[in-house]
């Protein structure tokens, strides 16, 4: 797959090393503020103070907060897509047992949904007023994982493997944010991965291949 461009349409890529470093400080400061305070806390003054930069440096690169949000929305999600593509090419997924592959797929969907997705979706909405970038990212994840699972279609005991895989993965996404009925808190990752893997495999392979549901370590798309 061709690399995904992260060039902002209204931002001229800086050529000088010092200018690139300034841009990167502004970007990292903005992401830190978003992570801690959400889009409401992202102001030009807060960004330049965190970046140890100046208002002039900020406006030399962005027209204002909206322009910055547009740039961050493009860059963060497109880089996540690039890293997901790298993850697919980073190992021999087909050497895994079906249960390992299913558990790893569940783990990746869990991390994408719970890790930084909440504030990134907020960023997406703040920049565009909708979830377009997040939806595109989730679609790419679902398509990539579906391809991995469908490569093992001979092990899937369903008359329509494509439909079963897609519905199974959507069902997994539906339980990622499940709460403990006793405490009302979100269930921890190991519990979700085990239960959602059993759910997915119970649909794809009713007998259920034996083994552990601990999953495998995926490439960190949020790193």
C-alpha atoms as a PDB file:
ATOM      1  CA  UNK A   1       0.000   0.000   0.000  1.00  0.00           C
ATOM      2  CA  UNK A   2       1.300   3.468  -0.826  1.00  0.00           C
ATOM      3  CA  UNK A   3       2.331   5.625   2.124  1.00  0.00           C
ATOM      4  CA  UNK A   4      -0.373   7.904   3.463  1.00  0.00           C
ATOM      5  CA  UNK A   5       0.428  11.578   3.060  1.00  0.00           C
ATOM      6  CA  UNK A   6       0.358  13.676   6.209  1.00  0.00           C
ATOM      7  CA  UNK A   7       0.882  16.978   4.415  1.00  0.00           C
ATOM      8  CA  UNK A   8      -1.686  19.547   5.480  1.00  0.00           C
ATOM      9  CA  UNK A   9      -3.258  21.305   2.514  1.00  0.00           C
ATOM     10  CA  UNK A  10      -2.750  24.801   3.993  1.00  0.00           C
ATOM     11  CA  UNK A  11       0.615  24.216   5.658  1.00  0.00           C
ATOM     12  CA  UNK A  12       3.833  24.611   3.697  1.00  0.00           C
ATOM     13  CA  UNK A  13       6.230  21.913   4.932  1.00  0.00           C
ATOM     14  CA  UNK A  14       9.184  23.625   6.633  1.00  0.00           C
ATOM     15  CA  UNK A  15      12.553  23.084   4.982  1.00  0.00           C
ATOM     16  CA  UNK A  16      14.897  24.260   7.727  1.00  0.00           C
ATOM     17  CA  UNK A  17      15.686  21.907  10.610  1.00  0.00           C
ATOM     18  CA  UNK A  18      14.947  24.563  13.213  1.00  0.00           C
ATOM     19  CA  UNK A  19      11.551  25.307  11.663  1.00  0.00           C
ATOM     20  CA  UNK A  20      10.674  21.599  11.540  1.00  0.00           C
ATOM     21  CA  UNK A  21      11.564  21.259  15.209  1.00  0.00           C
ATOM     22  CA  UNK A  22       9.364  24.221  16.088  1.00  0.00           C
ATOM     23  CA  UNK A  23       6.449  22.690  14.213  1.00  0.00           C
ATOM     24  CA  UNK A  24       6.999  19.379  15.975  1.00  0.00           C
ATOM     25  CA  UNK A  25       7.057  21.061  19.399  1.00  0.00           C
ATOM     26  CA  UNK A  26       3.767  22.783  18.582  1.00  0.00           C
ATOM     27  CA  UNK A  27       2.240  19.499  17.439  1.00  0.00           C
ATOM     28  CA  UNK A  28       3.399  17.524  20.474  1.00  0.00           C
ATOM     29  CA  UNK A  29       2.291  20.285  22.840  1.00  0.00           C
ATOM     30  CA  UNK A  30      -1.128  20.330  21.182  1.00  0.00           C
ATOM     31  CA  UNK A  31      -1.517  16.553  21.470  1.00  0.00           C
ATOM     32  CA  UNK A  32      -0.497  16.636  25.126  1.00  0.00           C
ATOM     33  CA  UNK A  33      -3.079  19.319  25.880  1.00  0.00           C
ATOM     34  CA  UNK A  34      -5.748  17.377  23.996  1.00  0.00           C
ATOM     35  CA  UNK A  35      -4.872  14.256  25.937  1.00  0.00           C
ATOM     36  CA  UNK A  36      -5.092  16.062  29.277  1.00  0.00           C
ATOM     37  CA  UNK A  37      -7.876  18.588  28.724  1.00  0.00           C
ATOM     38  CA  UNK A  38      -9.664  17.780  25.468  1.00  0.00           C
ATOM     39  CA  UNK A  39     -10.296  20.233  22.607  1.00  0.00           C
ATOM     40  CA  UNK A  40     -11.751  22.844  24.979  1.00  0.00           C
ATOM     41  CA  UNK A  41      -8.349  23.281  26.623  1.00  0.00           C
ATOM     42  CA  UNK A  42      -6.554  23.748  23.319  1.00  0.00           C
ATOM     43  CA  UNK A  43      -5.877  27.468  22.952  1.00  0.00           C
ATOM     44  CA  UNK A  44      -3.123  29.237  21.058  1.00  0.00           C
ATOM     45  CA  UNK A  45      -1.684  30.622  24.299  1.00  0.00           C
ATOM     46  CA  UNK A  46      -1.717  27.201  25.962  1.00  0.00           C
ATOM     47  CA  UNK A  47      -0.022  25.596  22.963  1.00  0.00           C
ATOM     48  CA  UNK A  48       2.793  28.136  22.610  1.00  0.00           C
ATOM     49  CA  UNK A  49       3.418  28.095  26.368  1.00  0.00           C
ATOM     50  CA  UNK A  50       3.668  24.294  26.411  1.00  0.00           C
ATOM     51  CA  UNK A  51       5.802  24.281  23.260  1.00  0.00           C
ATOM     52  CA  UNK A  52       8.071  27.048  24.613  1.00  0.00           C
ATOM     53  CA  UNK A  53       7.428  28.880  21.365  1.00  0.00           C
ATOM     54  CA  UNK A  54       5.788  32.176  20.453  1.00  0.00           C
ATOM     55  CA  UNK A  55       2.435  33.353  19.133  1.00  0.00           C
ATOM     56  CA  UNK A  56       4.234  34.623  16.037  1.00  0.00           C
ATOM     57  CA  UNK A  57       5.732  31.186  15.394  1.00  0.00           C
ATOM     58  CA  UNK A  58       2.303  29.624  15.742  1.00  0.00           C
ATOM     59  CA  UNK A  59       0.625  32.001  13.290  1.00  0.00           C
ATOM     60  CA  UNK A  60       3.487  31.606  10.868  1.00  0.00           C
ATOM     61  CA  UNK A  61       2.317  27.981  10.515  1.00  0.00           C
ATOM     62  CA  UNK A  62      -1.403  28.004  11.250  1.00  0.00           C
ATOM     63  CA  UNK A  63      -4.223  30.451  10.618  1.00  0.00           C
ATOM     64  CA  UNK A  64      -5.702  29.710  14.036  1.00  0.00           C
ATOM     65  CA  UNK A  65      -7.053  26.985  16.294  1.00  0.00           C
ATOM     66  CA  UNK A  66      -9.360  25.539  13.619  1.00  0.00           C
ATOM     67  CA  UNK A  67      -6.481  25.224  11.174  1.00  0.00           C
ATOM     68  CA  UNK A  68      -4.370  23.520  13.854  1.00  0.00           C
ATOM     69  CA  UNK A  69      -7.203  21.070  14.604  1.00  0.00           C
ATOM     70  CA  UNK A  70      -7.534  20.256  10.910  1.00  0.00           C
ATOM     71  CA  UNK A  71      -3.813  19.561  10.692  1.00  0.00           C
ATOM     72  CA  UNK A  72      -3.785  17.413  13.844  1.00  0.00           C
ATOM     73  CA  UNK A  73      -6.828  15.487  12.661  1.00  0.00           C
ATOM     74  CA  UNK A  74      -5.167  14.676   9.352  1.00  0.00           C
ATOM     75  CA  UNK A  75      -1.785  13.875  10.799  1.00  0.00           C
ATOM     76  CA  UNK A  76      -2.791  11.737  13.779  1.00  0.00           C
ATOM     77  CA  UNK A  77      -5.224   9.491  11.973  1.00  0.00           C
ATOM     78  CA  UNK A  78      -3.160   9.131   8.831  1.00  0.00           C
ATOM     79  CA  UNK A  79      -0.077   8.222  10.861  1.00  0.00           C
ATOM     80  CA  UNK A  80      -2.171   5.640  12.716  1.00  0.00           C
ATOM     81  CA  UNK A  81      -3.183   4.156   9.358  1.00  0.00           C
ATOM     82  CA  UNK A  82       0.446   4.044   8.274  1.00  0.00           C
ATOM     83  CA  UNK A  83       1.431   2.238  11.460  1.00  0.00           C
ATOM     84  CA  UNK A  84      -1.427  -0.232  11.048  1.00  0.00           C
ATOM     85  CA  UNK A  85      -0.228  -0.980   7.499  1.00  0.00           C
ATOM     86  CA  UNK A  86       3.264  -1.519   8.886  1.00  0.00           C
ATOM     87  CA  UNK A  87       1.809  -3.866  11.505  1.00  0.00           C
ATOM     88  CA  UNK A  88       0.285  -6.057   8.813  1.00  0.00           C
ATOM     89  CA  UNK A  89       3.643  -6.295   7.057  1.00  0.00           C
ATOM     90  CA  UNK A  90       5.710  -6.754  10.218  1.00  0.00           C
ATOM     91  CA  UNK A  91       5.217 -10.468  10.844  1.00  0.00           C
ATOM     92  CA  UNK A  92       3.934 -13.761   9.491  1.00  0.00           C
ATOM     93  CA  UNK A  93       0.363 -13.596  10.781  1.00  0.00           C
ATOM     94  CA  UNK A  94      -0.529 -16.783   8.960  1.00  0.00           C
ATOM     95  CA  UNK A  95       1.845 -18.780  11.163  1.00  0.00           C
ATOM     96  CA  UNK A  96      -0.439 -18.125  14.151  1.00  0.00           C
ATOM     97  CA  UNK A  97      -3.072 -20.573  15.304  1.00  0.00           C
ATOM     98  CA  UNK A  98      -6.596 -19.398  14.579  1.00  0.00           C
ATOM     99  CA  UNK A  99      -7.298 -18.751  18.274  1.00  0.00           C
ATOM    100  CA  UNK A 100      -4.098 -16.704  18.598  1.00  0.00           C
ATOM    101  CA  UNK A 101      -5.024 -14.730  15.509  1.00  0.00           C
ATOM    102  CA  UNK A 102      -8.554 -14.130  16.779  1.00  0.00           C
ATOM    103  CA  UNK A 103      -7.310 -13.074  20.219  1.00  0.00           C
ATOM    104  CA  UNK A 104      -4.743 -10.742  18.691  1.00  0.00           C
ATOM    105  CA  UNK A 105      -7.418  -9.231  16.456  1.00  0.00           C
ATOM    106  CA  UNK A 106      -9.667  -8.655  19.449  1.00  0.00           C
ATOM    107  CA  UNK A 107      -6.778  -7.078  21.352  1.00  0.00           C
ATOM    108  CA  UNK A 108      -6.039  -4.691  18.511  1.00  0.00           C
ATOM    109  CA  UNK A 109      -9.674  -3.620  18.229  1.00  0.00           C
ATOM    110  CA  UNK A 110      -9.735  -3.131  22.004  1.00  0.00           C
ATOM    111  CA  UNK A 111      -6.631  -0.926  21.926  1.00  0.00           C
ATOM    112  CA  UNK A 112      -7.873   1.098  18.946  1.00  0.00           C
ATOM    113  CA  UNK A 113     -11.218   1.705  20.624  1.00  0.00           C
ATOM    114  CA  UNK A 114     -10.060   2.339  24.185  1.00  0.00           C
ATOM    115  CA  UNK A 115      -6.500   3.600  23.994  1.00  0.00           C
ATOM    116  CA  UNK A 116      -6.474   7.144  22.624  1.00  0.00           C
ATOM    117  CA  UNK A 117      -9.559   6.815  20.470  1.00  0.00           C
ATOM    118  CA  UNK A 118     -11.804   8.833  22.784  1.00  0.00           C
ATOM    119  CA  UNK A 119      -9.836  12.068  22.574  1.00  0.00           C
ATOM    120  CA  UNK A 120      -8.885  11.472  18.969  1.00  0.00           C
ATOM    121  CA  UNK A 121     -12.566  11.152  18.102  1.00  0.00           C
ATOM    122  CA  UNK A 122     -13.156  14.380  19.992  1.00  0.00           C
ATOM    123  CA  UNK A 123     -10.376  15.937  17.916  1.00  0.00           C
ATOM    124  CA  UNK A 124     -12.014  14.610  14.774  1.00  0.00           C
ATOM    125  CA  UNK A 125     -15.355  16.138  15.699  1.00  0.00           C
ATOM    126  CA  UNK A 126     -13.755  19.437  16.727  1.00  0.00           C
ATOM    127  CA  UNK A 127     -11.887  19.681  13.436  1.00  0.00           C
ATOM    128  CA  UNK A 128     -14.648  18.558  11.095  1.00  0.00           C
ATOM    129  CA  UNK A 129     -17.825  18.321  13.126  1.00  0.00           C
ATOM    130  CA  UNK A 130     -18.099  14.569  12.524  1.00  0.00           C
ATOM    131  CA  UNK A 131     -16.265  11.243  12.877  1.00  0.00           C
ATOM    132  CA  UNK A 132     -15.114  10.933   9.246  1.00  0.00           C
ATOM    133  CA  UNK A 133     -11.443  10.255  10.004  1.00  0.00           C
ATOM    134  CA  UNK A 134     -12.226   7.878  12.852  1.00  0.00           C
ATOM    135  CA  UNK A 135     -14.730   6.010  10.681  1.00  0.00           C
ATOM    136  CA  UNK A 136     -12.155   5.667   7.907  1.00  0.00           C
ATOM    137  CA  UNK A 137      -9.567   4.418  10.400  1.00  0.00           C
ATOM    138  CA  UNK A 138     -11.971   1.864  11.910  1.00  0.00           C
ATOM    139  CA  UNK A 139     -12.969   0.690   8.437  1.00  0.00           C
ATOM    140  CA  UNK A 140      -9.305   0.139   7.550  1.00  0.00           C
ATOM    141  CA  UNK A 141      -8.789  -1.861  10.754  1.00  0.00           C
ATOM    142  CA  UNK A 142     -11.861  -4.008  10.143  1.00  0.00           C
ATOM    143  CA  UNK A 143     -10.867  -4.627   6.520  1.00  0.00           C
ATOM    144  CA  UNK A 144      -7.309  -5.555   7.465  1.00  0.00           C
ATOM    145  CA  UNK A 145      -8.338  -7.926  10.240  1.00  0.00           C
ATOM    146  CA  UNK A 146     -11.048  -9.440   8.031  1.00  0.00           C
ATOM    147  CA  UNK A 147      -8.415 -10.245   5.396  1.00  0.00           C
ATOM    148  CA  UNK A 148      -6.260 -11.995   7.997  1.00  0.00           C
ATOM    149  CA  UNK A 149      -9.149 -14.096   9.272  1.00  0.00           C
ATOM    150  CA  UNK A 150     -10.545 -14.866   5.814  1.00  0.00           C
ATOM    151  CA  UNK A 151      -7.157 -16.207   4.770  1.00  0.00           C
ATOM    152  CA  UNK A 152      -8.113 -19.061   7.135  1.00  0.00           C
ATOM    153  CA  UNK A 153     -11.563 -19.528   5.630  1.00  0.00           C
ATOM    154  CA  UNK A 154     -11.015 -23.293   5.446  1.00  0.00           C
ATOM    155  CA  UNK A 155     -11.109 -23.284   9.273  1.00  0.00           C
ATOM    156  CA  UNK A 156     -14.297 -21.177   9.467  1.00  0.00           C
ATOM    157  CA  UNK A 157     -17.406 -23.298   9.852  1.00  0.00           C
ATOM    158  CA  UNK A 158     -19.966 -20.900   8.358  1.00  0.00           C
ATOM    159  CA  UNK A 159     -21.771 -20.919   5.012  1.00  0.00           C
ATOM    160  CA  UNK A 160     -20.859 -17.260   4.446  1.00  0.00           C
ATOM    161  CA  UNK A 161     -17.347 -16.684   5.865  1.00  0.00           C
ATOM    162  CA  UNK A 162     -17.178 -13.026   4.742  1.00  0.00           C
ATOM    163  CA  UNK A 163     -20.447 -12.177   6.467  1.00  0.00           C
ATOM    164  CA  UNK A 164     -19.497 -14.156   9.568  1.00  0.00           C
ATOM    165  CA  UNK A 165     -16.136 -12.422   9.931  1.00  0.00           C
ATOM    166  CA  UNK A 166     -17.566  -8.935   9.454  1.00  0.00           C
ATOM    167  CA  UNK A 167     -20.479  -9.453  11.849  1.00  0.00           C
ATOM    168  CA  UNK A 168     -18.207 -11.165  14.346  1.00  0.00           C
ATOM    169  CA  UNK A 169     -15.770  -8.249  14.403  1.00  0.00           C
ATOM    170  CA  UNK A 170     -18.607  -5.730  14.716  1.00  0.00           C
ATOM    171  CA  UNK A 171     -19.909  -7.754  17.654  1.00  0.00           C
ATOM    172  CA  UNK A 172     -16.461  -7.538  19.246  1.00  0.00           C
ATOM    173  CA  UNK A 173     -16.488  -3.748  18.870  1.00  0.00           C
ATOM    174  CA  UNK A 174     -19.855  -3.745  20.551  1.00  0.00           C
ATOM    175  CA  UNK A 175     -18.487  -5.342  23.729  1.00  0.00           C
ATOM    176  CA  UNK A 176     -15.171  -3.490  23.979  1.00  0.00           C
ATOM    177  CA  UNK A 177     -16.722  -0.827  26.199  1.00  0.00           C
ATOM    178  CA  UNK A 178     -18.714  -3.295  28.307  1.00  0.00           C
ATOM    179  CA  UNK A 179     -18.957  -2.515  32.020  1.00  0.00           C
ATOM    180  CA  UNK A 180     -18.802  -4.713  35.084  1.00  0.00           C
ATOM    181  CA  UNK A 181     -22.448  -5.014  36.213  1.00  0.00           C
ATOM    182  CA  UNK A 182     -21.357  -4.911  39.852  1.00  0.00           C
ATOM    183  CA  UNK A 183     -18.980  -1.942  39.887  1.00  0.00           C
ATOM    184  CA  UNK A 184     -20.167  -0.102  36.782  1.00  0.00           C
ATOM    185  CA  UNK A 185     -16.540   0.266  35.681  1.00  0.00           C
ATOM    186  CA  UNK A 186     -15.201  -0.718  32.260  1.00  0.00           C
ATOM    187  CA  UNK A 187     -14.060  -4.339  32.175  1.00  0.00           C
ATOM    188  CA  UNK A 188     -10.260  -4.795  32.036  1.00  0.00           C
ATOM    189  CA  UNK A 189      -8.478  -5.744  28.839  1.00  0.00           C
ATOM    190  CA  UNK A 190      -7.718  -9.415  29.731  1.00  0.00           C
ATOM    191  CA  UNK A 191     -11.382 -10.074  30.492  1.00  0.00           C
ATOM    192  CA  UNK A 192     -12.617  -8.401  27.318  1.00  0.00           C
ATOM    193  CA  UNK A 193     -10.010 -10.151  25.143  1.00  0.00           C
ATOM    194  CA  UNK A 194     -10.876 -13.595  26.515  1.00  0.00           C
ATOM    195  CA  UNK A 195     -14.646 -13.186  26.409  1.00  0.00           C
ATOM    196  CA  UNK A 196     -14.726 -11.421  23.027  1.00  0.00           C
ATOM    197  CA  UNK A 197     -12.364 -14.017  21.524  1.00  0.00           C
ATOM    198  CA  UNK A 198     -14.656 -16.786  22.724  1.00  0.00           C
ATOM    199  CA  UNK A 199     -17.602 -14.864  21.262  1.00  0.00           C
ATOM    200  CA  UNK A 200     -15.873 -14.418  17.886  1.00  0.00           C
ATOM    201  CA  UNK A 201     -14.684 -18.006  17.640  1.00  0.00           C
ATOM    202  CA  UNK A 202     -18.017 -19.345  18.850  1.00  0.00           C
ATOM    203  CA  UNK A 203     -19.564 -17.680  15.808  1.00  0.00           C
ATOM    204  CA  UNK A 204     -16.875 -18.577  13.290  1.00  0.00           C
ATOM    205  CA  UNK A 205     -16.073 -22.055  14.611  1.00  0.00           C
ATOM    206  CA  UNK A 206     -18.889 -23.330  16.854  1.00  0.00           C
ATOM    207  CA  UNK A 207     -16.717 -26.098  18.299  1.00  0.00           C
ATOM    208  CA  UNK A 208     -14.052 -23.531  19.162  1.00  0.00           C
ATOM    209  CA  UNK A 209     -10.359 -24.358  18.651  1.00  0.00           C
ATOM    210  CA  UNK A 210      -8.613 -25.097  21.970  1.00  0.00           C
ATOM    211  CA  UNK A 211      -5.915 -22.889  23.405  1.00  0.00           C
ATOM    212  CA  UNK A 212      -5.253 -19.657  25.244  1.00  0.00           C
ATOM    213  CA  UNK A 213      -7.019 -16.349  24.593  1.00  0.00           C
ATOM    214  CA  UNK A 214      -4.133 -14.182  25.754  1.00  0.00           C
ATOM    215  CA  UNK A 215      -3.470 -12.940  22.257  1.00  0.00           C
ATOM    216  CA  UNK A 216      -0.250 -11.697  20.710  1.00  0.00           C
ATOM    217  CA  UNK A 217       1.641  -8.458  21.008  1.00  0.00           C
ATOM    218  CA  UNK A 218       0.655  -6.139  18.190  1.00  0.00           C
ATOM    219  CA  UNK A 219       2.585  -3.214  16.793  1.00  0.00           C
ATOM    220  CA  UNK A 220       1.681  -0.165  18.872  1.00  0.00           C
ATOM    221  CA  UNK A 221      -0.289   2.010  16.449  1.00  0.00           C
ATOM    222  CA  UNK A 222      -0.533   4.798  19.038  1.00  0.00           C
ATOM    223  CA  UNK A 223       3.176   4.906  19.888  1.00  0.00           C
END
